Amino acid sequence: MSELLTTGDIARQLDVDRDKVTYAIRKLDIKPKQQAGILNLYTSEDVKPIREFIKGRSEPEAGG
């Protein structure tokens, strides 16, 4: 099984704010693989689409 990560873990790994990670998870409709108390846990496979979503949203608009 893959390593389980919190949104904070993913944020640290991507060097972004945790709010950006939670926004990406919500917009991409990624479901937690497990829960530990109030924490939602995601797999390392979930990091790639989150990274791509955040990267795509942070690129400057062309022609500005």
Foldseek 3Di string as FASTA:
>chain_A
DADKDFLVRLCVVLVHDSVLLVVQCVVVVPAAPDDDVPTGIHGPVVSVSSSVVSVVVPDDDPPD
